Amino acid sequence: NLIEILWHRCKHYWLTPDDYRTEQTLRDKLDYLMPRVGTEYTVTFS
């Protein structure tokens, strides 16, 4: 499942413990990350 691969990459490589402090900090970090997937952040779907 592609979304599971993307989420795994986020939570294990791109998110830090501080990003989970509140729902808003998590949303803010995800809002930052998602537009950059494929350019600054890469995922290999194999």
C-alpha atoms as a PDB file:
ATOM      1  CA  ASN A   1       0.000   0.000   0.000  1.00  0.00           C
ATOM      2  CA  LEU A   2       1.576   3.270  -1.119  1.00  0.00           C
ATOM      3  CA  ILE A   3       0.233   5.425   1.708  1.00  0.00           C
ATOM      4  CA  GLU A   4       1.638   2.982   4.268  1.00  0.00           C
ATOM      5  CA  ILE A   5       5.073   3.225   2.657  1.00  0.00           C
ATOM      6  CA  LEU A   6       4.872   7.027   2.696  1.00  0.00           C
ATOM      7  CA  TRP A   7       3.731   7.121   6.336  1.00  0.00           C
ATOM      8  CA  HIS A   8       6.506   4.699   7.353  1.00  0.00           C
ATOM      9  CA  ARG A   9       9.078   6.978   5.739  1.00  0.00           C
ATOM     10  CA  CYS A  10       7.593  10.013   7.495  1.00  0.00           C
ATOM     11  CA  LYS A  11       7.462   8.585  10.974  1.00  0.00           C
ATOM     12  CA  HIS A  12      10.804   6.763  10.887  1.00  0.00           C
ATOM     13  CA  TYR A  13      12.952   9.238   8.985  1.00  0.00           C
ATOM     14  CA  TRP A  14      11.442  12.702   8.699  1.00  0.00           C
ATOM     15  CA  LEU A  15       9.439  13.305  11.875  1.00  0.00           C
ATOM     16  CA  THR A  16      11.105  13.991  15.210  1.00  0.00           C
ATOM     17  CA  PRO A  17       9.676  13.438  18.705  1.00  0.00           C
ATOM     18  CA  ASP A  18       9.079  17.199  18.974  1.00  0.00           C
ATOM     19  CA  ASP A  19       6.774  17.013  15.951  1.00  0.00           C
ATOM     20  CA  TYR A  20       4.384  14.860  18.019  1.00  0.00           C
ATOM     21  CA  ARG A  21       4.066  17.334  20.921  1.00  0.00           C
ATOM     22  CA  THR A  22       0.603  18.453  19.843  1.00  0.00           C
ATOM     23  CA  GLU A  23      -1.780  17.717  17.027  1.00  0.00           C
ATOM     24  CA  GLN A  24      -0.979  21.147  15.601  1.00  0.00           C
ATOM     25  CA  THR A  25       2.798  20.622  15.569  1.00  0.00           C
ATOM     26  CA  LEU A  26       2.271  17.324  13.772  1.00  0.00           C
ATOM     27  CA  ARG A  27      -0.043  18.948  11.237  1.00  0.00           C
ATOM     28  CA  ASP A  28       2.413  21.780  10.691  1.00  0.00           C
ATOM     29  CA  LYS A  29       5.287  19.388  10.014  1.00  0.00           C
ATOM     30  CA  LEU A  30       3.184  17.258   7.669  1.00  0.00           C
ATOM     31  CA  ASP A  31       2.024  20.401   5.854  1.00  0.00           C
ATOM     32  CA  TYR A  32       5.700  21.242   5.414  1.00  0.00           C
ATOM     33  CA  LEU A  33       6.738  17.738   4.301  1.00  0.00           C
ATOM     34  CA  MET A  34       4.013  16.684   1.886  1.00  0.00           C
ATOM     35  CA  PRO A  35       4.582  19.334  -0.810  1.00  0.00           C
ATOM     36  CA  ARG A  36       8.286  18.474  -0.736  1.00  0.00           C
ATOM     37  CA  VAL A  37       7.911  14.712  -1.231  1.00  0.00           C
ATOM     38  CA  GLY A  38       9.528  13.896  -4.538  1.00  0.00           C
ATOM     39  CA  THR A  39      11.932  16.840  -4.455  1.00  0.00           C
ATOM     40  CA  GLU A  40      13.557  17.411  -1.050  1.00  0.00           C
ATOM     41  CA  TYR A  41      12.205  14.161   0.421  1.00  0.00           C
ATOM     42  CA  THR A  42      12.221  11.005  -1.659  1.00  0.00           C
ATOM     43  CA  VAL A  43      10.395   7.708  -1.402  1.00  0.00           C
ATOM     44  CA  THR A  44      11.054   4.636  -3.502  1.00  0.00           C
ATOM     45  CA  PHE A  45       7.896   2.642  -4.142  1.00  0.00           C
ATOM     46  CA  SER A  46       9.006  -0.795  -5.248  1.00  0.00           C
END
